[in-house]
Structure formats: structure tokens, C-alpha cells
N, C-alpha and C. Protein backbone atom coordinates (compact mmCIF):
# COMPACT_ATOMS: atom_id res chain seq x y z
N UNK A 1 -209.91 253.93 -167.85
CA UNK A 1 -210.25 253.34 -166.66
C UNK A 1 -209.23 253.63 -165.66
N UNK A 2 -209.72 254.12 -164.50
CA UNK A 2 -208.82 254.80 -163.60
C UNK A 2 -207.93 253.74 -162.78
N UNK A 3 -208.48 252.28 -162.57
CA UNK A 3 -207.91 251.46 -161.90
C UNK A 3 -207.75 250.17 -162.68
N UNK A 4 -206.87 249.02 -162.10
CA UNK A 4 -206.74 248.09 -162.70
C UNK A 4 -207.67 247.05 -162.19
N UNK A 5 -208.18 246.00 -163.17
CA UNK A 5 -208.97 244.87 -162.56
C UNK A 5 -208.15 243.55 -162.93
N UNK A 6 -208.27 242.60 -162.21
CA UNK A 6 -207.63 241.20 -162.47
C UNK A 6 -208.62 240.18 -161.96
N UNK A 7 -208.95 239.16 -162.92
CA UNK A 7 -209.23 237.83 -162.32
C UNK A 7 -208.84 236.93 -163.33
N UNK A 8 -207.82 236.24 -162.82
CA UNK A 8 -207.11 235.23 -163.62
C UNK A 8 -207.10 234.06 -162.80
N UNK A 9 -207.91 232.86 -163.05
CA UNK A 9 -207.78 231.56 -162.43
C UNK A 9 -206.66 230.94 -162.89
N UNK A 10 -206.04 230.05 -162.03
CA UNK A 10 -204.81 229.27 -162.42
C UNK A 10 -205.35 228.05 -161.94
N UNK A 11 -204.88 226.94 -162.86
CA UNK A 11 -205.08 225.54 -162.45
C UNK A 11 -203.69 225.16 -162.52
N UNK A 12 -203.05 224.76 -161.50
CA UNK A 12 -201.79 224.25 -161.27
C UNK A 12 -201.69 222.81 -160.94
N UNK A 13 -200.58 222.28 -161.52
CA UNK A 13 -200.38 220.79 -161.16
C UNK A 13 -199.09 220.60 -161.07
N UNK A 14 -198.81 219.81 -159.86
CA UNK A 14 -197.32 219.34 -159.66
C UNK A 14 -197.50 218.03 -158.95
N UNK A 15 -196.22 217.46 -158.95
CA UNK A 15 -196.13 216.06 -158.40
C UNK A 15 -194.78 215.88 -157.34
N UNK A 16 -195.25 214.79 -156.70
CA UNK A 16 -194.20 214.33 -155.92
C UNK A 16 -192.85 213.96 -156.50
N UNK A 17 -191.83 213.88 -155.72
CA UNK A 17 -190.58 213.60 -156.39
C UNK A 17 -190.41 212.24 -156.68
N UNK A 18 -190.21 212.12 -157.97
CA UNK A 18 -190.14 210.88 -158.74
C UNK A 18 -191.53 210.08 -158.76
N UNK A 19 -192.51 211.11 -158.69
CA UNK A 19 -193.86 210.70 -158.37
C UNK A 19 -194.19 209.48 -157.45
N UNK A 20 -193.58 209.67 -156.57
CA UNK A 20 -193.64 208.58 -155.35
C UNK A 20 -195.12 208.82 -154.84
N UNK A 21 -195.70 207.84 -154.35
CA UNK A 21 -197.18 208.10 -153.93
C UNK A 21 -197.04 208.24 -152.49
N UNK A 22 -196.78 209.57 -152.10
CA UNK A 22 -196.52 209.74 -150.74
C UNK A 22 -197.61 210.47 -149.80
N UNK A 23 -198.58 211.08 -150.75
CA UNK A 23 -199.63 211.62 -150.02
C UNK A 23 -201.00 210.86 -149.83
N UNK A 24 -200.58 210.11 -148.93
CA UNK A 24 -201.59 208.82 -148.64
C UNK A 24 -202.71 209.53 -147.86
N UNK A 25 -204.07 208.70 -148.08
CA UNK A 25 -205.44 209.29 -147.24
C UNK A 25 -204.95 209.76 -145.81
N UNK A 26 -204.19 209.43 -145.11
CA UNK A 26 -204.10 209.91 -143.66
C UNK A 26 -203.24 211.30 -143.78
N UNK A 27 -202.77 211.73 -144.45
CA UNK A 27 -202.12 213.12 -144.54
C UNK A 27 -202.50 214.21 -145.64
N UNK A 28 -203.28 213.62 -146.73
CA UNK A 28 -203.44 214.50 -147.75
C UNK A 28 -204.44 215.51 -147.44
N UNK A 29 -205.52 215.48 -146.47
CA UNK A 29 -206.24 216.78 -146.23
C UNK A 29 -205.38 217.70 -145.37
N UNK A 30 -204.41 217.31 -144.57
CA UNK A 30 -203.36 218.04 -143.68
C UNK A 30 -202.74 219.11 -144.75
N UNK A 31 -202.03 218.34 -145.76
CA UNK A 31 -201.30 218.93 -146.72
C UNK A 31 -202.13 219.75 -147.66
N UNK A 32 -203.24 219.58 -148.02
CA UNK A 32 -204.12 220.39 -148.80
C UNK A 32 -204.43 221.70 -148.00
N UNK A 33 -204.81 221.50 -146.92
CA UNK A 33 -205.05 222.51 -145.93
C UNK A 33 -204.03 223.59 -145.66
N UNK A 34 -202.64 222.94 -145.65
CA UNK A 34 -201.72 223.67 -145.43
C UNK A 34 -201.30 224.52 -146.85
N UNK A 35 -201.45 223.98 -147.73
CA UNK A 35 -201.25 224.77 -149.35
C UNK A 35 -202.40 225.57 -149.31
N UNK A 36 -203.48 225.45 -149.00
CA UNK A 36 -204.60 226.58 -149.12
C UNK A 36 -204.27 227.49 -148.25
N UNK A 37 -204.02 227.39 -147.17
CA UNK A 37 -203.47 228.46 -146.02
C UNK A 37 -202.25 229.35 -146.85
N UNK A 38 -201.40 228.65 -147.40
CA UNK A 38 -200.35 229.14 -147.78
C UNK A 38 -200.60 230.22 -149.10
N UNK A 39 -201.49 229.43 -149.95
CA UNK A 39 -202.02 230.21 -151.13
C UNK A 39 -202.75 231.61 -150.75
N UNK A 40 -203.85 231.49 -149.94
CA UNK A 40 -204.11 232.71 -149.36
C UNK A 40 -203.37 233.45 -148.75
N UNK A 41 -202.49 233.28 -147.83
CA UNK A 41 -201.38 234.07 -147.44
C UNK A 41 -200.70 235.08 -148.65
N UNK A 42 -200.67 234.63 -149.55
CA UNK A 42 -199.99 235.39 -150.88
C UNK A 42 -201.05 235.95 -151.53
N UNK A 43 -202.26 235.87 -151.24
CA UNK A 43 -203.21 236.78 -151.54
C UNK A 43 -204.13 236.05 -152.89
N UNK A 44 -203.92 234.72 -152.74
CA UNK A 44 -204.47 233.95 -153.85
C UNK A 44 -205.75 233.06 -153.53
N UNK A 45 -206.80 233.50 -153.44
CA UNK A 45 -208.06 232.75 -153.06
C UNK A 45 -208.16 231.40 -153.77
N UNK A 46 -208.34 230.41 -152.86
CA UNK A 46 -208.28 228.90 -153.35
C UNK A 46 -209.83 228.49 -153.83
N UNK A 47 -210.20 227.93 -154.90
CA UNK A 47 -211.35 227.41 -155.07
C UNK A 47 -211.20 226.04 -154.65
N UNK A 48 -210.32 225.29 -154.81
CA UNK A 48 -210.24 223.76 -154.50
C UNK A 48 -208.86 223.23 -154.79
N UNK A 49 -208.42 222.29 -153.93
CA UNK A 49 -207.17 221.56 -154.13
C UNK A 49 -207.45 220.11 -153.93
N UNK A 50 -207.10 219.14 -154.65
CA UNK A 50 -207.22 217.74 -154.60
C UNK A 50 -206.31 217.14 -155.39
N UNK A 51 -206.20 215.77 -155.44
CA UNK A 51 -204.98 215.08 -156.08
C UNK A 51 -205.27 213.77 -155.94
N UNK A 52 -203.99 212.92 -155.97
CA UNK A 52 -203.89 211.58 -155.93
C UNK A 52 -202.37 211.44 -154.97
N UNK A 53 -202.05 210.34 -154.66
CA UNK A 53 -200.94 210.17 -153.92
C UNK A 53 -199.70 210.71 -154.26
N UNK A 54 -199.51 210.78 -155.88
CA UNK A 54 -198.32 211.26 -156.38
C UNK A 54 -198.49 212.74 -157.09
N UNK A 55 -199.33 213.39 -156.99
CA UNK A 55 -199.59 214.68 -157.48
C UNK A 55 -200.86 215.35 -157.10
N UNK A 56 -200.95 216.80 -157.07
CA UNK A 56 -202.18 217.38 -156.63
C UNK A 56 -202.35 218.54 -157.76
N UNK A 57 -203.57 219.00 -157.84
CA UNK A 57 -204.25 219.94 -158.54
C UNK A 57 -204.74 221.22 -157.76
N UNK A 58 -204.47 222.43 -158.17
CA UNK A 58 -204.91 223.36 -157.45
C UNK A 58 -205.66 224.43 -158.36
N UNK A 59 -206.77 224.96 -158.04
CA UNK A 59 -207.32 226.18 -158.81
C UNK A 59 -207.47 227.08 -157.88
N UNK A 60 -206.96 228.24 -158.28
CA UNK A 60 -206.82 229.56 -157.29
C UNK A 60 -206.73 230.76 -158.11
N UNK A 61 -207.14 231.71 -157.53
CA UNK A 61 -207.01 233.17 -158.16
C UNK A 61 -205.60 233.73 -158.06
N UNK A 62 -205.24 234.08 -159.22
CA UNK A 62 -203.75 234.64 -159.23
C UNK A 62 -203.75 236.19 -158.57
N UNK A 63 -202.99 236.30 -157.66
CA UNK A 63 -202.69 237.89 -157.00
C UNK A 63 -201.87 238.37 -158.05
N UNK A 64 -202.61 239.60 -158.47
CA UNK A 64 -201.74 240.23 -159.67
C UNK A 64 -200.57 240.88 -159.27
N UNK A 65 -200.14 240.89 -158.26
CA UNK A 65 -198.80 241.42 -157.78
C UNK A 65 -197.64 240.45 -157.82
N UNK A 66 -198.09 239.19 -157.98
CA UNK A 66 -197.11 237.95 -158.04
C UNK A 66 -197.23 237.21 -159.27
N UNK A 67 -196.17 236.67 -159.61
CA UNK A 67 -196.04 235.63 -160.64
C UNK A 67 -196.57 234.14 -160.32
N UNK A 68 -197.05 233.45 -161.29
CA UNK A 68 -197.26 232.12 -160.94
C UNK A 68 -195.99 231.39 -160.27
N UNK A 69 -194.91 231.52 -161.27
CA UNK A 69 -193.88 230.97 -160.63
C UNK A 69 -193.27 231.10 -159.15
N UNK A 70 -193.51 232.36 -158.77
CA UNK A 70 -193.08 232.96 -157.31
C UNK A 70 -194.24 232.16 -156.38
N UNK A 71 -195.46 232.12 -156.76
CA UNK A 71 -196.35 231.45 -155.86
C UNK A 71 -196.04 229.80 -155.71
N UNK A 72 -196.10 229.08 -157.13
CA UNK A 72 -195.80 227.76 -156.76
C UNK A 72 -194.61 227.61 -156.03
N UNK A 73 -193.63 228.19 -156.36
CA UNK A 73 -192.02 227.87 -155.67
C UNK A 73 -192.57 228.04 -154.19
N UNK A 74 -192.90 229.03 -153.77
CA UNK A 74 -193.17 229.30 -152.23
C UNK A 74 -194.13 228.10 -151.73
N UNK A 75 -195.15 227.81 -152.30
CA UNK A 75 -196.00 226.85 -151.88
C UNK A 75 -195.34 225.45 -151.83
N UNK A 76 -194.61 224.94 -152.86
CA UNK A 76 -193.96 223.81 -152.93
C UNK A 76 -192.73 223.91 -151.70
N UNK A 77 -192.14 224.73 -151.57
CA UNK A 77 -191.13 224.76 -150.58
C UNK A 77 -191.88 224.70 -149.33
N UNK A 78 -192.68 225.64 -148.84
CA UNK A 78 -193.18 225.53 -147.43
C UNK A 78 -193.89 224.41 -147.35
N UNK A 79 -194.61 223.69 -148.17
CA UNK A 79 -195.41 222.35 -147.66
C UNK A 79 -194.31 221.22 -147.77
N UNK A 80 -193.48 221.17 -148.48
CA UNK A 80 -192.25 220.13 -148.29
C UNK A 80 -191.74 220.27 -146.96
N UNK A 81 -191.42 221.58 -146.57
CA UNK A 81 -190.94 221.71 -145.17
C UNK A 81 -192.13 221.47 -144.01
N UNK A 82 -193.31 221.65 -144.19
CA UNK A 82 -194.23 221.45 -143.27
C UNK A 82 -194.45 219.90 -143.11
N UNK A 83 -194.41 219.07 -144.30
CA UNK A 83 -194.35 217.50 -144.08
C UNK A 83 -193.37 217.03 -143.50
N UNK A 84 -192.27 217.40 -143.73
CA UNK A 84 -191.00 217.07 -142.89
C UNK A 84 -190.84 217.28 -141.53
N UNK A 85 -191.01 218.73 -141.22
CA UNK A 85 -191.00 219.06 -140.06
C UNK A 85 -192.03 218.60 -138.96
N UNK A 86 -192.99 218.33 -139.48
CA UNK A 86 -194.32 217.55 -138.72
C UNK A 86 -194.28 215.87 -138.91
N UNK A 87 -193.22 215.55 -139.53
CA UNK A 87 -192.99 214.03 -139.68
C UNK A 87 -194.48 213.31 -140.13
N UNK A 88 -195.05 213.80 -141.04
CA UNK A 88 -196.24 213.44 -141.35
C UNK A 88 -196.01 211.98 -142.32
N UNK A 89 -194.72 211.58 -142.78
CA UNK A 89 -194.62 210.56 -143.50
C UNK A 89 -193.01 210.05 -142.84
N UNK A 90 -192.74 208.88 -143.17
CA UNK A 90 -191.50 208.24 -142.47
C UNK A 90 -190.20 208.66 -143.18
N UNK A 91 -190.39 208.97 -144.65
CA UNK A 91 -189.41 209.16 -145.34
C UNK A 91 -189.13 210.66 -145.70
N UNK A 92 -188.21 211.23 -146.13
CA UNK A 92 -188.00 212.64 -146.53
C UNK A 92 -189.09 212.86 -147.91
N UNK A 93 -189.77 213.97 -147.48
CA UNK A 93 -190.65 214.43 -148.55
C UNK A 93 -190.38 215.65 -149.45
N UNK A 94 -190.31 215.55 -150.80
CA UNK A 94 -190.08 216.64 -151.42
C UNK A 94 -191.09 216.68 -152.73
N UNK A 95 -191.08 217.74 -153.54
CA UNK A 95 -191.91 217.72 -154.65
C UNK A 95 -190.81 217.59 -155.83
N UNK A 96 -191.28 217.10 -156.95
CA UNK A 96 -190.79 217.17 -158.28
C UNK A 96 -190.32 218.47 -158.69
N UNK A 97 -189.14 218.68 -159.37
CA UNK A 97 -188.98 220.08 -159.84
C UNK A 97 -190.19 220.29 -160.84
N UNK A 98 -190.36 221.55 -160.90
CA UNK A 98 -191.38 221.94 -162.02
C UNK A 98 -192.90 221.89 -161.59
N UNK A 99 -193.61 222.33 -162.69
CA UNK A 99 -195.04 222.36 -162.44
C UNK A 99 -195.57 222.49 -163.73
N UNK A 100 -196.99 222.36 -163.85
CA UNK A 100 -197.72 222.90 -164.92
C UNK A 100 -198.90 223.83 -164.34
N UNK A 101 -199.21 224.94 -165.35
CA UNK A 101 -200.13 225.98 -164.72
C UNK A 101 -200.71 226.39 -165.97
N UNK A 102 -201.85 226.15 -165.93
CA UNK A 102 -202.85 226.84 -167.18
C UNK A 102 -203.93 227.88 -166.61
N UNK A 103 -204.14 229.13 -167.33
CA UNK A 103 -205.17 229.76 -167.20
C UNK A 103 -206.33 229.19 -167.27
N UNK A 104 -207.74 229.59 -166.70
CA UNK A 104 -208.99 229.03 -166.85
C UNK A 104 -209.91 230.11 -167.00
N UNK A 105 -210.76 230.07 -167.89
CA UNK A 105 -211.78 231.00 -168.24
C UNK A 105 -212.69 230.89 -167.37
N UNK A 106 -213.40 231.94 -166.95
CA UNK A 106 -214.41 232.01 -165.91
C UNK A 106 -215.37 231.13 -166.36
N UNK A 107 -215.87 231.06 -167.60
CA UNK A 107 -216.97 230.20 -168.16
C UNK A 107 -216.76 228.76 -167.96
N UNK A 108 -215.62 228.24 -167.57
CA UNK A 108 -215.10 226.78 -167.33
C UNK A 108 -214.52 226.41 -166.16
N UNK A 109 -214.59 227.63 -165.08
CA UNK A 109 -214.28 227.32 -163.77
C UNK A 109 -214.88 226.19 -162.99
N UNK A 110 -216.20 226.13 -163.23
CA UNK A 110 -216.90 225.14 -162.36
C UNK A 110 -216.66 223.36 -163.02
N UNK A 111 -216.42 223.75 -164.33
CA UNK A 111 -215.97 222.18 -164.98
C UNK A 111 -214.45 222.11 -164.48
N UNK A 112 -213.43 222.75 -164.35
CA UNK A 112 -212.43 222.53 -163.77
C UNK A 112 -212.43 222.22 -162.28
N UNK A 113 -213.29 222.68 -161.52
CA UNK A 113 -213.69 222.57 -160.16
C UNK A 113 -214.07 221.15 -160.02
N UNK A 114 -215.01 220.70 -160.95
CA UNK A 114 -215.64 219.18 -160.71
C UNK A 114 -214.53 218.35 -161.32
N UNK A 115 -213.67 218.68 -162.29
CA UNK A 115 -212.44 217.69 -162.86
C UNK A 115 -211.55 217.59 -161.44
N UNK A 116 -211.17 218.57 -160.71
CA UNK A 116 -210.29 218.38 -159.61
C UNK A 116 -211.05 217.66 -158.62
N UNK A 117 -212.12 218.00 -158.21
CA UNK A 117 -212.95 217.25 -157.24
C UNK A 117 -213.12 215.81 -157.39
N UNK A 118 -213.20 215.38 -158.66
CA UNK A 118 -213.31 213.81 -159.06
C UNK A 118 -211.86 213.40 -159.44
N UNK A 119 -210.89 213.71 -158.67
CA UNK A 119 -209.61 213.28 -159.19
C UNK A 119 -209.59 211.68 -159.08
N UNK A 120 -209.77 211.21 -157.85
CA UNK A 120 -209.67 209.66 -157.54
C UNK A 120 -210.61 208.90 -158.62
N UNK A 121 -211.80 209.22 -159.06
CA UNK A 121 -212.37 208.62 -159.95
C UNK A 121 -211.83 208.62 -161.59
N UNK A 122 -211.36 209.91 -161.73
CA UNK A 122 -210.81 210.12 -162.90
C UNK A 122 -209.75 209.24 -163.12
N UNK A 123 -208.70 209.03 -162.18
CA UNK A 123 -207.46 208.35 -162.01
C UNK A 123 -207.85 206.91 -162.02
N UNK A 124 -208.96 206.40 -161.94
CA UNK A 124 -209.12 204.96 -162.08
C UNK A 124 -209.39 204.56 -163.84
N UNK A 125 -209.25 205.67 -164.50
CA UNK A 125 -209.27 205.51 -166.04
C UNK A 125 -208.06 205.67 -166.61
N UNK A 126 -207.26 206.73 -165.97
CA UNK A 126 -206.09 207.42 -166.61
C UNK A 126 -204.90 207.51 -165.70
N UNK A 127 -203.73 207.23 -166.09
CA UNK A 127 -202.64 207.63 -165.32
C UNK A 127 -202.09 209.17 -165.21
N UNK A 128 -201.49 209.27 -164.21
CA UNK A 128 -200.97 210.79 -164.21
C UNK A 128 -200.14 211.07 -165.43
N UNK A 129 -199.51 210.26 -166.03
CA UNK A 129 -198.55 210.56 -167.17
C UNK A 129 -199.76 210.77 -168.24
N UNK A 130 -200.86 209.97 -168.53
CA UNK A 130 -201.85 210.18 -169.41
C UNK A 130 -202.43 211.53 -169.39
N UNK A 131 -202.66 211.77 -168.13
CA UNK A 131 -203.54 213.07 -167.75
C UNK A 131 -202.54 214.27 -168.32
N UNK A 132 -201.31 214.16 -167.74
CA UNK A 132 -200.02 215.17 -168.00
C UNK A 132 -200.11 215.36 -169.65
N UNK A 133 -199.92 214.52 -170.37
CA UNK A 133 -199.66 214.42 -171.70
C UNK A 133 -201.16 215.13 -172.59
N UNK A 134 -202.13 214.57 -172.07
CA UNK A 134 -203.37 215.26 -172.30
C UNK A 134 -203.34 216.66 -172.19
N UNK A 135 -203.00 217.25 -171.03
CA UNK A 135 -202.93 218.58 -170.70
C UNK A 135 -202.04 219.34 -171.77
N UNK A 136 -200.98 218.79 -171.84
CA UNK A 136 -199.84 219.47 -172.70
C UNK A 136 -200.44 219.49 -174.11
N UNK A 137 -201.02 218.36 -174.61
CA UNK A 137 -201.87 218.58 -175.97
C UNK A 137 -202.80 219.60 -176.15
N UNK A 138 -203.94 219.53 -175.22
CA UNK A 138 -204.72 220.33 -175.36
C UNK A 138 -204.51 221.91 -175.36
N UNK A 139 -203.30 222.03 -174.67
CA UNK A 139 -202.79 223.38 -174.59
C UNK A 139 -201.74 223.66 -175.68
N UNK A 140 -201.53 222.95 -176.48
CA UNK A 140 -200.65 223.09 -177.84
C UNK A 140 -198.91 223.13 -177.46
N UNK A 141 -198.83 222.37 -176.14
CA UNK A 141 -197.45 222.09 -175.75
C UNK A 141 -197.04 220.50 -176.19
N UNK A 142 -195.75 220.40 -176.02
CA UNK A 142 -194.98 219.27 -176.03
C UNK A 142 -194.41 218.70 -174.91
N UNK A 143 -194.23 217.30 -174.55
CA UNK A 143 -193.49 217.04 -173.51
C UNK A 143 -192.10 216.75 -173.76
N UNK A 144 -191.41 217.62 -174.33
CA UNK A 144 -189.92 217.47 -174.46
C UNK A 144 -189.19 218.79 -174.05
């Protein structure tokens, strides 16, 4: 094969600092749109971004020239700066250190899309911690 082909879907999740419920309805779309633009600028087409007041989920294609860590670091930093610079909330905004990122098979992209799309309904049944622990368990990881 004379060229390289990549199509790696990433489901990334990260939380607000101390899981404070800061992404209220009045700003969440602005923040999601900003994050979407940042991901696209890095060459990562976005399928969906959604979440809750204390965390977000992003489903995007990985730019093969960049690492997931580079991308998430840049997006978290620039989005924190955006929220604070534009005074979208009255207190200082920041994301919690760290993130979770999982590769998603093309065969389940639509299932993950619907899962992210339905975050509000999903979290009427499960807390963020329950969801996070479940992701770790399903992916053979531990929370320590």
C-alpha cells in the first residue's frame, strides 16, 4: 500500500473541576460549539458533543498527526479560557485534571452517538461516577 489510511473514532469524556455543575443550559451550547470548532481546527471532525452540567462527552475522528492527549489538552485549555474570557459564568471555570478516551469501532459509532445524544435522559438513571465506573469496567480498567 503506497499511502496510509486512518479512521479512528474517539469517545472522550472529561469533567468540570471538582465536578461542579457549571455547564448550565444557558451556556452549554456555546461551550459545545466552541469545543467543536477547536476540534475541527485540529483536524478532528466532530460527530457529537453533549453532556451534563458537570461533564461532557465528545465523539470525534482522531487526526492521525496528533495524539489524543495533545488534542484533549488543547481543547480543555482553550475552552476554559473561552468561558472565563467571555464571563459565561460568574465564577472561575476550569476542567478537572485528566480525561477518559476510548476508541470506537465503526460498527458502533451510531450507538455511541445516540448514547451521547441522550445524556440528559441517561443521567436520570445513573450518576456521573456510576457511568465512569461502568466505562472503566467495560474497558478492563480500574478506578485507582
